[in-house]
Amino acid sequence: MAEVTTIDNQADQPAADDRASAGTTSIEVKEVSKFFGSLTAVNNLSFTVKKGEIVGFLGPNGSGKTTTMRMLTSFYTPDAGEIKINGIDTQENDLLTRFSIGYLPENNPFYADLMVSEYLNFIADLRGLSKEERNRNIPPTVDETGLSDVFYRPIGQLSKGYKQRVGLAQAILHRPSILILDEPTEGLDPNQRLTIRDLIKSLGQERTVMISTHVMQEVETTCERVLVISKGDLVADSPVSDLLLKAQGLRAVHIEVEGNEIERALEKLPNVDSIQREDRVDGHKRYIISTQANEDLRPAIFNLAKRNDWVLYELREERARMEDVFHDLTVDRQNESQEES
């Protein structure tokens, strides 16, 4: 069984919020790489997260998100580069940096037969909290995470949503200045997702929060800024509002048509960025015409069909969503990687 290290004498340690106030940067990642044999999981990654920010950390499966989060929390050691938490190098004092962080892993481990009260006291033991500290910390933690009604119930009897609340409770029990949450709403139903999102926003009022998720709506409603990683490389670092503006500027016109020399004629239209053909079993032709221009392409396509005696079965426009921007940022790199392999 792996040895469990506790932090003794926490009363002698500076409070997490006091340590965070020493500077404006909570997380600093500088030229960090991580390798697993011949696999490069994270490649020369650099970014910073300021104190008090709520940042979304996005990427497709296998992009290096979880590996990065495990390095931030000192579960993994970087093979190159450095990570600083509240100005402290994780490789120089990982016990101190761990105490500044509350971590909710993607698959949060529980002892199902323990009551919530017993589990939080167990976490307090692992954290080395004194009796006075746990008496001071547990009531507001239970309050913040809404666990009062299930405090004396076994964790195994709780819903998935309440289990996530318990996971968040263990992450904030020692009152850290930074929260790192890996897929905090994975497996929840829509109502549970909304509840946990609201809880995360509430927790983020006094803490720096970094969230890994695949749910774009979560990023839009919860985060101020987004980092996108693909194949171990950082491909975007932007305010959420900027990505939303970019998405609003992307248009796609879907047409279903019957006629001759369709693609050649469509390519001659102004402001057409790309044309994607979709196969149809009924013999009709379907195309998706993409543009970043402000002008609506549909009138020009309608007039083109009229002049060429095409039969239009469908002509509709779709505005891009944040998912489409994410797709554009990551899919090309994934395709390149697959071709190389």
C-alpha atoms as a PDB file:
ATOM      1  CA  MET A   1       0.000   0.000   0.000  1.00  0.00           C
ATOM      2  CA  ALA A   2       1.339   3.438  -0.924  1.00  0.00           C
ATOM      3  CA  GLU A   3       2.549   5.562   1.938  1.00  0.00           C
ATOM      4  CA  VAL A   4       0.243   8.430   2.846  1.00  0.00           C
ATOM      5  CA  THR A   5       2.088  11.633   3.666  1.00  0.00           C
ATOM      6  CA  THR A   6       0.370  14.141   5.916  1.00  0.00           C
ATOM      7  CA  ILE A   7       1.329  17.727   6.607  1.00  0.00           C
ATOM      8  CA  ASP A   8       2.020  18.125  10.280  1.00  0.00           C
ATOM      9  CA  ASN A   9       1.949  21.335  12.252  1.00  0.00           C
ATOM     10  CA  GLN A  10      -0.375  23.172   9.930  1.00  0.00           C
ATOM     11  CA  ALA A  11      -0.826  25.884  12.513  1.00  0.00           C
ATOM     12  CA  ASP A  12       2.764  26.877  11.793  1.00  0.00           C
ATOM     13  CA  GLN A  13       2.119  27.070   8.032  1.00  0.00           C
ATOM     14  CA  PRO A  14       1.007  30.427   6.558  1.00  0.00           C
ATOM     15  CA  ALA A  15      -2.660  30.401   5.563  1.00  0.00           C
ATOM     16  CA  ALA A  16      -3.353  29.557   1.920  1.00  0.00           C
ATOM     17  CA  ASP A  17      -4.998  32.934   1.281  1.00  0.00           C
ATOM     18  CA  ASP A  18      -2.053  34.736   2.868  1.00  0.00           C
ATOM     19  CA  ARG A  19       0.343  32.887   0.613  1.00  0.00           C
ATOM     20  CA  ALA A  20      -1.783  33.701  -2.446  1.00  0.00           C
ATOM     21  CA  SER A  21      -1.780  37.394  -1.621  1.00  0.00           C
ATOM     22  CA  ALA A  22       1.987  37.480  -2.045  1.00  0.00           C
ATOM     23  CA  GLY A  23       1.527  37.957  -5.813  1.00  0.00           C
ATOM     24  CA  THR A  24      -1.059  38.273  -8.560  1.00  0.00           C
ATOM     25  CA  THR A  25      -0.195  34.955 -10.249  1.00  0.00           C
ATOM     26  CA  SER A  26      -1.595  31.770  -8.713  1.00  0.00           C
ATOM     27  CA  ILE A  27      -0.332  29.277 -11.307  1.00  0.00           C
ATOM     28  CA  GLU A  28       2.721  29.651 -13.527  1.00  0.00           C
ATOM     29  CA  VAL A  29       3.636  26.930 -16.016  1.00  0.00           C
ATOM     30  CA  LYS A  30       6.869  27.549 -17.903  1.00  0.00           C
ATOM     31  CA  GLU A  31       8.080  25.359 -20.803  1.00  0.00           C
ATOM     32  CA  VAL A  32       6.786  22.164 -19.164  1.00  0.00           C
ATOM     33  CA  SER A  33       7.029  18.780 -20.889  1.00  0.00           C
ATOM     34  CA  LYS A  34       6.027  15.280 -19.802  1.00  0.00           C
ATOM     35  CA  PHE A  35       6.930  12.021 -21.541  1.00  0.00           C
ATOM     36  CA  PHE A  36       5.694   8.466 -21.125  1.00  0.00           C
ATOM     37  CA  GLY A  37       8.251   6.375 -23.010  1.00  0.00           C
ATOM     38  CA  SER A  38       8.131   7.543 -26.624  1.00  0.00           C
ATOM     39  CA  LEU A  39       4.822   9.381 -26.072  1.00  0.00           C
ATOM     40  CA  THR A  40       4.950  13.146 -25.568  1.00  0.00           C
ATOM     41  CA  ALA A  41       1.947  13.861 -23.358  1.00  0.00           C
ATOM     42  CA  VAL A  42       2.741  17.554 -22.771  1.00  0.00           C
ATOM     43  CA  ASN A  43       5.059  19.529 -25.034  1.00  0.00           C
ATOM     44  CA  ASN A  44       6.824  22.726 -23.879  1.00  0.00           C
ATOM     45  CA  LEU A  45       3.640  24.076 -22.291  1.00  0.00           C
ATOM     46  CA  SER A  46       3.550  27.615 -20.869  1.00  0.00           C
ATOM     47  CA  PHE A  47       0.688  29.635 -19.351  1.00  0.00           C
ATOM     48  CA  THR A  48      -0.243  31.604 -16.238  1.00  0.00           C
ATOM     49  CA  VAL A  49      -3.446  31.857 -14.216  1.00  0.00           C
ATOM     50  CA  LYS A  50      -3.987  35.001 -12.182  1.00  0.00           C
ATOM     51  CA  LYS A  51      -5.322  35.092  -8.662  1.00  0.00           C
ATOM     52  CA  GLY A  52      -9.120  34.986  -8.638  1.00  0.00           C
ATOM     53  CA  GLU A  53      -9.582  33.809 -12.255  1.00  0.00           C
ATOM     54  CA  ILE A  54     -11.921  30.989 -13.285  1.00  0.00           C
ATOM     55  CA  VAL A  55     -10.222  29.359 -16.271  1.00  0.00           C
ATOM     56  CA  GLY A  56     -11.503  26.580 -18.525  1.00  0.00           C
ATOM     57  CA  PHE A  57      -8.888  24.024 -19.599  1.00  0.00           C
ATOM     58  CA  LEU A  58     -10.094  22.338 -22.795  1.00  0.00           C
ATOM     59  CA  GLY A  59      -8.836  19.672 -25.134  1.00  0.00           C
ATOM     60  CA  PRO A  60      -9.925  16.452 -26.840  1.00  0.00           C
ATOM     61  CA  ASN A  61      -9.264  13.074 -25.247  1.00  0.00           C
ATOM     62  CA  GLY A  62      -5.545  12.348 -25.144  1.00  0.00           C
ATOM     63  CA  SER A  63      -4.607  16.027 -25.411  1.00  0.00           C
ATOM     64  CA  GLY A  64      -2.630  16.161 -22.150  1.00  0.00           C
ATOM     65  CA  LYS A  65      -5.203  17.901 -19.917  1.00  0.00           C
ATOM     66  CA  THR A  66      -5.245  15.374 -17.102  1.00  0.00           C
ATOM     67  CA  THR A  67      -1.461  14.950 -17.258  1.00  0.00           C
ATOM     68  CA  THR A  68      -1.062  18.719 -16.880  1.00  0.00           C
ATOM     69  CA  MET A  69      -3.434  18.822 -13.924  1.00  0.00           C
ATOM     70  CA  ARG A  70      -1.574  15.981 -12.248  1.00  0.00           C
ATOM     71  CA  MET A  71       1.661  17.913 -12.653  1.00  0.00           C
ATOM     72  CA  LEU A  72       0.060  21.039 -11.175  1.00  0.00           C
ATOM     73  CA  THR A  73      -0.994  19.012  -8.139  1.00  0.00           C
ATOM     74  CA  SER A  74       2.413  17.217  -7.875  1.00  0.00           C
ATOM     75  CA  PHE A  75       1.001  13.767  -8.643  1.00  0.00           C
ATOM     76  CA  TYR A  76       3.399  13.811 -11.612  1.00  0.00           C
ATOM     77  CA  THR A  77       6.792  15.501 -11.858  1.00  0.00           C
ATOM     78  CA  PRO A  78       7.575  17.435 -15.064  1.00  0.00           C
ATOM     79  CA  ASP A  79      10.385  15.991 -17.184  1.00  0.00           C
ATOM     80  CA  ALA A  80      11.290  19.539 -18.248  1.00  0.00           C
ATOM     81  CA  GLY A  81      10.313  23.069 -17.280  1.00  0.00           C
ATOM     82  CA  GLU A  82       8.941  24.412 -14.021  1.00  0.00           C
ATOM     83  CA  ILE A  83       5.610  24.926 -12.296  1.00  0.00           C
ATOM     84  CA  LYS A  84       5.055  27.535  -9.605  1.00  0.00           C
ATOM     85  CA  ILE A  85       2.053  27.654  -7.311  1.00  0.00           C
ATOM     86  CA  ASN A  86       1.656  31.048  -5.618  1.00  0.00           C
ATOM     87  CA  GLY A  87       5.271  31.734  -6.530  1.00  0.00           C
ATOM     88  CA  ILE A  88       6.634  28.482  -5.058  1.00  0.00           C
ATOM     89  CA  ASP A  89       8.318  25.880  -7.281  1.00  0.00           C
ATOM     90  CA  THR A  90       6.472  22.554  -6.982  1.00  0.00           C
ATOM     91  CA  GLN A  91       9.735  20.629  -7.223  1.00  0.00           C
ATOM     92  CA  GLU A  92      11.318  22.603  -4.395  1.00  0.00           C
ATOM     93  CA  ASN A  93       8.440  22.396  -1.897  1.00  0.00           C
ATOM     94  CA  ASP A  94       5.635  20.177  -3.117  1.00  0.00           C
ATOM     95  CA  LEU A  95       4.068  19.816   0.349  1.00  0.00           C
ATOM     96  CA  LEU A  96       3.558  23.560   0.614  1.00  0.00           C
ATOM     97  CA  THR A  97       2.201  23.874  -2.929  1.00  0.00           C
ATOM     98  CA  ARG A  98      -0.145  20.914  -2.409  1.00  0.00           C
ATOM     99  CA  PHE A  99      -1.574  22.662   0.637  1.00  0.00           C
ATOM    100  CA  SER A 100      -2.439  25.663  -1.570  1.00  0.00           C
ATOM    101  CA  ILE A 101      -4.479  23.442  -3.930  1.00  0.00           C
ATOM    102  CA  GLY A 102      -7.793  21.675  -3.705  1.00  0.00           C
ATOM    103  CA  TYR A 103      -8.037  18.917  -6.326  1.00  0.00           C
ATOM    104  CA  LEU A 104     -11.102  17.111  -7.638  1.00  0.00           C
ATOM    105  CA  PRO A 105      -9.918  14.270  -9.930  1.00  0.00           C
ATOM    106  CA  GLU A 106     -12.048  12.988 -12.793  1.00  0.00           C
ATOM    107  CA  ASN A 107     -12.755   9.690 -11.022  1.00  0.00           C
ATOM    108  CA  ASN A 108     -13.091  10.847  -7.454  1.00  0.00           C
ATOM    109  CA  PRO A 109     -12.241   7.951  -5.076  1.00  0.00           C
ATOM    110  CA  PHE A 110     -14.586   7.402  -2.140  1.00  0.00           C
ATOM    111  CA  TYR A 111     -15.086   4.913   0.657  1.00  0.00           C
ATOM    112  CA  ALA A 112     -18.735   4.147  -0.027  1.00  0.00           C
ATOM    113  CA  ASP A 113     -19.446   2.768   3.454  1.00  0.00           C
ATOM    114  CA  LEU A 114     -18.255   5.941   5.216  1.00  0.00           C
ATOM    115  CA  MET A 115     -20.749   8.625   6.128  1.00  0.00           C
ATOM    116  CA  VAL A 116     -20.045  12.074   4.713  1.00  0.00           C
ATOM    117  CA  SER A 117     -19.104  13.236   8.227  1.00  0.00           C
ATOM    118  CA  GLU A 118     -16.631  10.374   8.637  1.00  0.00           C
ATOM    119  CA  TYR A 119     -15.126  10.920   5.194  1.00  0.00           C
ATOM    120  CA  LEU A 120     -14.495  14.625   5.777  1.00  0.00           C
ATOM    121  CA  ASN A 121     -12.855  13.852   9.100  1.00  0.00           C
ATOM    122  CA  PHE A 122     -10.734  11.232   7.328  1.00  0.00           C
ATOM    123  CA  ILE A 123      -9.645  13.866   4.774  1.00  0.00           C
ATOM    124  CA  ALA A 124      -8.876  16.221   7.662  1.00  0.00           C
ATOM    125  CA  ASP A 125      -6.609  13.511   9.111  1.00  0.00           C
ATOM    126  CA  LEU A 126      -4.791  13.133   5.791  1.00  0.00           C
ATOM    127  CA  ARG A 127      -4.386  16.891   5.565  1.00  0.00           C
ATOM    128  CA  GLY A 128      -2.941  17.005   9.081  1.00  0.00           C
ATOM    129  CA  LEU A 129      -5.591  19.440  10.306  1.00  0.00           C
ATOM    130  CA  SER A 130      -5.687  19.997  14.050  1.00  0.00           C
ATOM    131  CA  LYS A 131      -8.876  19.516  16.049  1.00  0.00           C
ATOM    132  CA  GLU A 132      -9.375  23.271  16.144  1.00  0.00           C
ATOM    133  CA  GLU A 133      -8.883  23.579  12.370  1.00  0.00           C
ATOM    134  CA  ARG A 134     -11.350  20.837  11.502  1.00  0.00           C
ATOM    135  CA  ASN A 135     -13.922  22.290  13.908  1.00  0.00           C
ATOM    136  CA  ARG A 136     -13.402  25.635  12.206  1.00  0.00           C
ATOM    137  CA  ASN A 137     -13.329  24.321   8.602  1.00  0.00           C
ATOM    138  CA  ILE A 138     -15.904  21.517   8.392  1.00  0.00           C
ATOM    139  CA  PRO A 139     -19.100  23.563   9.135  1.00  0.00           C
ATOM    140  CA  PRO A 140     -18.484  26.230   6.425  1.00  0.00           C
ATOM    141  CA  THR A 141     -17.353  23.527   3.981  1.00  0.00           C
ATOM    142  CA  VAL A 142     -20.595  21.587   4.511  1.00  0.00           C
ATOM    143  CA  ASP A 143     -22.499  24.849   4.194  1.00  0.00           C
ATOM    144  CA  GLU A 144     -20.786  25.933   0.953  1.00  0.00           C
ATOM    145  CA  THR A 145     -21.299  22.575  -0.738  1.00  0.00           C
ATOM    146  CA  GLY A 146     -24.868  22.006   0.453  1.00  0.00           C
ATOM    147  CA  LEU A 147     -24.214  18.747   2.299  1.00  0.00           C
ATOM    148  CA  SER A 148     -26.121  19.447   5.532  1.00  0.00           C
ATOM    149  CA  ASP A 149     -29.026  17.131   4.645  1.00  0.00           C
ATOM    150  CA  VAL A 150     -26.744  14.167   3.874  1.00  0.00           C
ATOM    151  CA  PHE A 151     -23.972  14.795   6.425  1.00  0.00           C
ATOM    152  CA  TYR A 152     -24.761  11.590   8.330  1.00  0.00           C
ATOM    153  CA  ARG A 153     -25.590   9.405   5.325  1.00  0.00           C
ATOM    154  CA  PRO A 154     -23.228   6.811   3.784  1.00  0.00           C
ATOM    155  CA  ILE A 155     -21.601   8.107   0.602  1.00  0.00           C
ATOM    156  CA  GLY A 156     -22.610   4.927  -1.256  1.00  0.00           C
ATOM    157  CA  GLN A 157     -26.268   5.880  -0.863  1.00  0.00           C
ATOM    158  CA  LEU A 158     -25.866   9.336  -2.392  1.00  0.00           C
ATOM    159  CA  SER A 159     -26.745  10.401  -5.923  1.00  0.00           C
ATOM    160  CA  LYS A 160     -23.985  11.215  -8.395  1.00  0.00           C
ATOM    161  CA  GLY A 161     -24.649  14.917  -7.884  1.00  0.00           C
ATOM    162  CA  TYR A 162     -24.218  14.697  -4.135  1.00  0.00           C
ATOM    163  CA  LYS A 163     -21.092  12.590  -4.555  1.00  0.00           C
ATOM    164  CA  GLN A 164     -19.626  15.403  -6.642  1.00  0.00           C
ATOM    165  CA  ARG A 165     -20.521  17.797  -3.822  1.00  0.00           C
ATOM    166  CA  VAL A 166     -18.625  15.545  -1.423  1.00  0.00           C
ATOM    167  CA  GLY A 167     -15.675  15.619  -3.834  1.00  0.00           C
ATOM    168  CA  LEU A 168     -15.769  19.422  -3.873  1.00  0.00           C
ATOM    169  CA  ALA A 169     -16.034  19.458  -0.089  1.00  0.00           C
ATOM    170  CA  GLN A 170     -12.850  17.418   0.332  1.00  0.00           C
ATOM    171  CA  ALA A 171     -11.122  19.746  -2.153  1.00  0.00           C
ATOM    172  CA  ILE A 172     -11.908  22.920  -0.157  1.00  0.00           C
ATOM    173  CA  LEU A 173     -11.765  21.476   3.370  1.00  0.00           C
ATOM    174  CA  HIS A 174      -8.276  22.855   4.072  1.00  0.00           C
ATOM    175  CA  ARG A 175      -9.328  26.274   2.666  1.00  0.00           C
ATOM    176  CA  PRO A 176      -6.982  26.343  -0.345  1.00  0.00           C
ATOM    177  CA  SER A 177      -6.547  29.419  -2.532  1.00  0.00           C
ATOM    178  CA  ILE A 178      -6.619  27.340  -5.768  1.00  0.00           C
ATOM    179  CA  LEU A 179      -9.132  24.752  -6.994  1.00  0.00           C
ATOM    180  CA  ILE A 180      -8.280  22.342  -9.825  1.00  0.00           C
ATOM    181  CA  LEU A 181     -11.329  20.445 -11.042  1.00  0.00           C
ATOM    182  CA  ASP A 182     -11.102  17.653 -13.611  1.00  0.00           C
ATOM    183  CA  GLU A 183     -14.462  17.043 -15.352  1.00  0.00           C
ATOM    184  CA  PRO A 184     -16.513  18.127 -12.295  1.00  0.00           C
ATOM    185  CA  THR A 185     -19.912  17.523 -13.974  1.00  0.00           C
ATOM    186  CA  GLU A 186     -19.100  14.304 -15.845  1.00  0.00           C
ATOM    187  CA  GLY A 187     -21.975  11.807 -15.644  1.00  0.00           C
ATOM    188  CA  LEU A 188     -24.459  14.249 -14.109  1.00  0.00           C
ATOM    189  CA  ASP A 189     -27.959  14.860 -15.404  1.00  0.00           C
ATOM    190  CA  PRO A 190     -28.859  18.379 -16.677  1.00  0.00           C
ATOM    191  CA  ASN A 191     -30.303  19.526 -13.336  1.00  0.00           C
ATOM    192  CA  GLN A 192     -27.280  18.265 -11.425  1.00  0.00           C
ATOM    193  CA  ARG A 193     -24.966  19.994 -13.902  1.00  0.00           C
ATOM    194  CA  LEU A 194     -26.673  23.335 -13.296  1.00  0.00           C
ATOM    195  CA  THR A 195     -26.397  22.888  -9.534  1.00  0.00           C
ATOM    196  CA  ILE A 196     -22.693  22.030  -9.650  1.00  0.00           C
ATOM    197  CA  ARG A 197     -21.975  24.905 -12.066  1.00  0.00           C
ATOM    198  CA  ASP A 198     -23.614  27.355  -9.678  1.00  0.00           C
ATOM    199  CA  LEU A 199     -21.632  25.833  -6.822  1.00  0.00           C
ATOM    200  CA  ILE A 200     -18.355  26.202  -8.737  1.00  0.00           C
ATOM    201  CA  LYS A 201     -19.113  29.856  -9.523  1.00  0.00           C
ATOM    202  CA  SER A 202     -19.825  30.425  -5.850  1.00  0.00           C
ATOM    203  CA  LEU A 203     -16.590  28.719  -4.787  1.00  0.00           C
ATOM    204  CA  GLY A 204     -14.697  30.769  -7.365  1.00  0.00           C
ATOM    205  CA  GLN A 205     -15.652  34.067  -5.771  1.00  0.00           C
ATOM    206  CA  GLU A 206     -12.791  33.734  -3.285  1.00  0.00           C
ATOM    207  CA  ARG A 207     -10.497  31.292  -5.090  1.00  0.00           C
ATOM    208  CA  THR A 208      -8.594  30.726  -8.311  1.00  0.00           C
ATOM    209  CA  VAL A 209     -10.349  27.931 -10.231  1.00  0.00           C
ATOM    210  CA  MET A 210      -9.117  25.834 -13.154  1.00  0.00           C
ATOM    211  CA  ILE A 211     -11.713  23.529 -14.739  1.00  0.00           C
ATOM    212  CA  SER A 212     -11.152  20.761 -17.259  1.00  0.00           C
ATOM    213  CA  THR A 213     -14.320  19.917 -19.184  1.00  0.00           C
ATOM    214  CA  HIS A 214     -15.708  18.759 -22.528  1.00  0.00           C
ATOM    215  CA  VAL A 215     -18.932  20.721 -22.065  1.00  0.00           C
ATOM    216  CA  MET A 216     -18.697  24.041 -23.908  1.00  0.00           C
ATOM    217  CA  GLN A 217     -21.794  25.468 -22.214  1.00  0.00           C
ATOM    218  CA  GLU A 218     -20.030  24.955 -18.899  1.00  0.00           C
ATOM    219  CA  VAL A 219     -17.161  27.107 -20.112  1.00  0.00           C
ATOM    220  CA  GLU A 220     -19.497  29.815 -21.440  1.00  0.00           C
ATOM    221  CA  THR A 221     -21.464  30.087 -18.200  1.00  0.00           C
ATOM    222  CA  THR A 222     -18.685  29.522 -15.648  1.00  0.00           C
ATOM    223  CA  CYS A 223     -15.302  30.644 -16.982  1.00  0.00           C
ATOM    224  CA  GLU A 224     -13.745  34.011 -17.775  1.00  0.00           C
ATOM    225  CA  ARG A 225     -10.885  32.646 -19.860  1.00  0.00           C
ATOM    226  CA  VAL A 226     -10.097  29.479 -21.766  1.00  0.00           C
ATOM    227  CA  LEU A 227      -6.918  27.526 -22.457  1.00  0.00           C
ATOM    228  CA  VAL A 228      -7.097  24.946 -25.263  1.00  0.00           C
ATOM    229  CA  ILE A 229      -4.553  22.138 -25.493  1.00  0.00           C
ATOM    230  CA  SER A 230      -4.181  19.670 -28.360  1.00  0.00           C
ATOM    231  CA  LYS A 231      -1.631  16.872 -28.601  1.00  0.00           C
ATOM    232  CA  GLY A 232       0.265  18.359 -25.673  1.00  0.00           C
ATOM    233  CA  ASP A 233       0.556  21.854 -27.195  1.00  0.00           C
ATOM    234  CA  LEU A 234      -1.266  25.011 -26.158  1.00  0.00           C
ATOM    235  CA  VAL A 235      -3.282  26.125 -29.184  1.00  0.00           C
ATOM    236  CA  ALA A 236      -5.399  28.911 -27.655  1.00  0.00           C
ATOM    237  CA  ASP A 237      -5.321  31.244 -24.658  1.00  0.00           C
ATOM    238  CA  SER A 238      -8.205  33.683 -24.850  1.00  0.00           C
ATOM    239  CA  PRO A 239     -11.028  35.324 -22.908  1.00  0.00           C
ATOM    240  CA  VAL A 240     -14.237  33.343 -23.360  1.00  0.00           C
ATOM    241  CA  SER A 241     -15.899  36.459 -24.767  1.00  0.00           C
ATOM    242  CA  ASP A 242     -13.342  36.591 -27.617  1.00  0.00           C
ATOM    243  CA  LEU A 243     -13.991  32.974 -28.590  1.00  0.00           C
ATOM    244  CA  LEU A 244     -17.732  33.611 -28.540  1.00  0.00           C
ATOM    245  CA  LEU A 245     -17.266  36.603 -30.833  1.00  0.00           C
ATOM    246  CA  LYS A 246     -15.210  34.452 -33.179  1.00  0.00           C
ATOM    247  CA  ALA A 247     -17.935  31.812 -33.184  1.00  0.00           C
ATOM    248  CA  GLN A 248     -20.586  34.409 -33.987  1.00  0.00           C
ATOM    249  CA  GLY A 249     -18.545  35.483 -37.026  1.00  0.00           C
ATOM    250  CA  LEU A 250     -18.551  31.983 -38.515  1.00  0.00           C
ATOM    251  CA  ARG A 251     -21.467  31.021 -40.771  1.00  0.00           C
ATOM    252  CA  ALA A 252     -22.337  27.790 -42.546  1.00  0.00           C
ATOM    253  CA  VAL A 253     -25.026  27.534 -45.231  1.00  0.00           C
ATOM    254  CA  HIS A 254     -26.508  24.056 -45.767  1.00  0.00           C
ATOM    255  CA  ILE A 255     -28.049  23.327 -49.152  1.00  0.00           C
ATOM    256  CA  GLU A 256     -29.675  20.283 -50.718  1.00  0.00           C
ATOM    257  CA  VAL A 257     -29.826  20.684 -54.468  1.00  0.00           C
ATOM    258  CA  GLU A 258     -30.302  18.918 -57.774  1.00  0.00           C
ATOM    259  CA  GLY A 259     -28.601  20.193 -60.919  1.00  0.00           C
ATOM    260  CA  ASN A 260     -25.409  20.398 -62.969  1.00  0.00           C
ATOM    261  CA  GLU A 261     -21.945  21.884 -62.287  1.00  0.00           C
ATOM    262  CA  ILE A 262     -22.985  22.897 -58.788  1.00  0.00           C
ATOM    263  CA  GLU A 263     -19.610  22.955 -57.051  1.00  0.00           C
ATOM    264  CA  ARG A 264     -17.923  24.950 -59.815  1.00  0.00           C
ATOM    265  CA  ALA A 265     -20.625  27.605 -59.670  1.00  0.00           C
ATOM    266  CA  LEU A 266     -20.606  27.785 -55.874  1.00  0.00           C
ATOM    267  CA  GLU A 267     -16.829  28.260 -55.795  1.00  0.00           C
ATOM    268  CA  LYS A 268     -17.198  31.447 -57.849  1.00  0.00           C
ATOM    269  CA  LEU A 269     -19.424  33.114 -55.267  1.00  0.00           C
ATOM    270  CA  PRO A 270     -17.713  35.902 -53.276  1.00  0.00           C
ATOM    271  CA  ASN A 271     -16.782  35.317 -49.580  1.00  0.00           C
ATOM    272  CA  VAL A 272     -16.924  31.505 -49.826  1.00  0.00           C
ATOM    273  CA  ASP A 273     -14.173  30.059 -47.616  1.00  0.00           C
ATOM    274  CA  SER A 274     -14.825  26.362 -48.151  1.00  0.00           C
ATOM    275  CA  ILE A 275     -17.323  23.917 -49.635  1.00  0.00           C
ATOM    276  CA  GLN A 276     -17.881  20.508 -48.102  1.00  0.00           C
ATOM    277  CA  ARG A 277     -19.882  17.899 -49.979  1.00  0.00           C
ATOM    278  CA  GLU A 278     -22.065  15.380 -48.154  1.00  0.00           C
ATOM    279  CA  ASP A 279     -23.233  12.150 -49.775  1.00  0.00           C
ATOM    280  CA  ARG A 280     -26.945  11.515 -50.181  1.00  0.00           C
ATOM    281  CA  VAL A 281     -28.544   8.129 -50.880  1.00  0.00           C
ATOM    282  CA  ASP A 282     -31.489   9.679 -52.792  1.00  0.00           C
ATOM    283  CA  GLY A 283     -29.271  11.201 -55.469  1.00  0.00           C
ATOM    284  CA  HIS A 284     -29.612  14.789 -54.331  1.00  0.00           C
ATOM    285  CA  LYS A 285     -26.440  16.689 -53.551  1.00  0.00           C
ATOM    286  CA  ARG A 286     -25.797  18.300 -50.187  1.00  0.00           C
ATOM    287  CA  TYR A 287     -23.170  20.941 -49.457  1.00  0.00           C
ATOM    288  CA  ILE A 288     -22.018  22.957 -46.473  1.00  0.00           C
ATOM    289  CA  ILE A 289     -20.662  26.351 -47.569  1.00  0.00           C
ATOM    290  CA  SER A 290     -18.582  28.114 -44.905  1.00  0.00           C
ATOM    291  CA  THR A 291     -17.867  31.836 -44.658  1.00  0.00           C
ATOM    292  CA  GLN A 292     -16.544  34.355 -42.148  1.00  0.00           C
ATOM    293  CA  ALA A 293     -18.116  37.298 -43.971  1.00  0.00           C
ATOM    294  CA  ASN A 294     -20.916  39.320 -42.403  1.00  0.00           C
ATOM    295  CA  GLU A 295     -23.002  39.042 -45.575  1.00  0.00           C
ATOM    296  CA  ASP A 296     -25.683  36.371 -45.766  1.00  0.00           C
ATOM    297  CA  LEU A 297     -24.879  33.972 -48.642  1.00  0.00           C
ATOM    298  CA  ARG A 298     -28.404  32.629 -49.040  1.00  0.00           C
ATOM    299  CA  PRO A 299     -29.758  35.277 -51.471  1.00  0.00           C
ATOM    300  CA  ALA A 300     -26.752  34.806 -53.777  1.00  0.00           C
ATOM    301  CA  ILE A 301     -27.140  31.004 -53.654  1.00  0.00           C
ATOM    302  CA  PHE A 302     -30.865  31.264 -54.370  1.00  0.00           C
ATOM    303  CA  ASN A 303     -30.282  33.518 -57.397  1.00  0.00           C
ATOM    304  CA  LEU A 304     -27.510  31.176 -58.598  1.00  0.00           C
ATOM    305  CA  ALA A 305     -29.887  28.203 -58.399  1.00  0.00           C
ATOM    306  CA  LYS A 306     -32.553  30.140 -60.281  1.00  0.00           C
ATOM    307  CA  ARG A 307     -30.180  31.096 -63.109  1.00  0.00           C
ATOM    308  CA  ASN A 308     -28.912  27.515 -63.469  1.00  0.00           C
ATOM    309  CA  ASP A 309     -32.313  25.813 -63.199  1.00  0.00           C
ATOM    310  CA  TRP A 310     -31.301  23.902 -60.071  1.00  0.00           C
ATOM    311  CA  VAL A 311     -33.942  22.434 -57.796  1.00  0.00           C
ATOM    312  CA  LEU A 312     -33.418  23.590 -54.212  1.00  0.00           C
ATOM    313  CA  TYR A 313     -34.727  21.220 -51.565  1.00  0.00           C
ATOM    314  CA  GLU A 314     -33.051  22.975 -48.637  1.00  0.00           C
ATOM    315  CA  LEU A 315     -31.351  26.331 -48.022  1.00  0.00           C
ATOM    316  CA  ARG A 316     -30.590  27.254 -44.412  1.00  0.00           C
ATOM    317  CA  GLU A 317     -27.914  29.040 -42.421  1.00  0.00           C
ATOM    318  CA  GLU A 318     -26.293  27.971 -39.159  1.00  0.00           C
ATOM    319  CA  ARG A 319     -24.200  30.235 -36.968  1.00  0.00           C
ATOM    320  CA  ALA A 320     -21.170  28.521 -35.461  1.00  0.00           C
ATOM    321  CA  ARG A 321     -21.092  27.716 -31.770  1.00  0.00           C
ATOM    322  CA  MET A 322     -18.184  27.563 -29.367  1.00  0.00           C
ATOM    323  CA  GLU A 323     -17.976  23.811 -30.101  1.00  0.00           C
ATOM    324  CA  ASP A 324     -17.151  24.666 -33.714  1.00  0.00           C
ATOM    325  CA  VAL A 325     -14.324  26.998 -32.688  1.00  0.00           C
ATOM    326  CA  PHE A 326     -12.952  24.266 -30.423  1.00  0.00           C
ATOM    327  CA  HIS A 327     -13.214  21.794 -33.321  1.00  0.00           C
ATOM    328  CA  ASP A 328     -11.307  24.144 -35.655  1.00  0.00           C
ATOM    329  CA  LEU A 329      -8.557  24.636 -33.077  1.00  0.00           C
ATOM    330  CA  THR A 330      -7.977  20.929 -32.433  1.00  0.00           C
ATOM    331  CA  VAL A 331      -9.152  18.707 -35.300  1.00  0.00           C
ATOM    332  CA  ASP A 332      -6.379  19.611 -37.751  1.00  0.00           C
ATOM    333  CA  ARG A 333      -3.694  18.706 -35.210  1.00  0.00           C
ATOM    334  CA  GLN A 334      -5.407  15.382 -34.491  1.00  0.00           C
ATOM    335  CA  ASN A 335      -5.613  14.561 -38.199  1.00  0.00           C
ATOM    336  CA  GLU A 336      -1.940  15.470 -38.702  1.00  0.00           C
ATOM    337  CA  SER A 337      -0.969  13.211 -35.802  1.00  0.00           C
ATOM    338  CA  GLN A 338      -2.959  10.289 -37.200  1.00  0.00           C
ATOM    339  CA  GLU A 339      -1.370  10.744 -40.643  1.00  0.00           C
ATOM    340  CA  GLU A 340       2.125  10.788 -39.128  1.00  0.00           C
ATOM    341  CA  SER A 341       1.470   7.604 -37.180  1.00  0.00           C
END
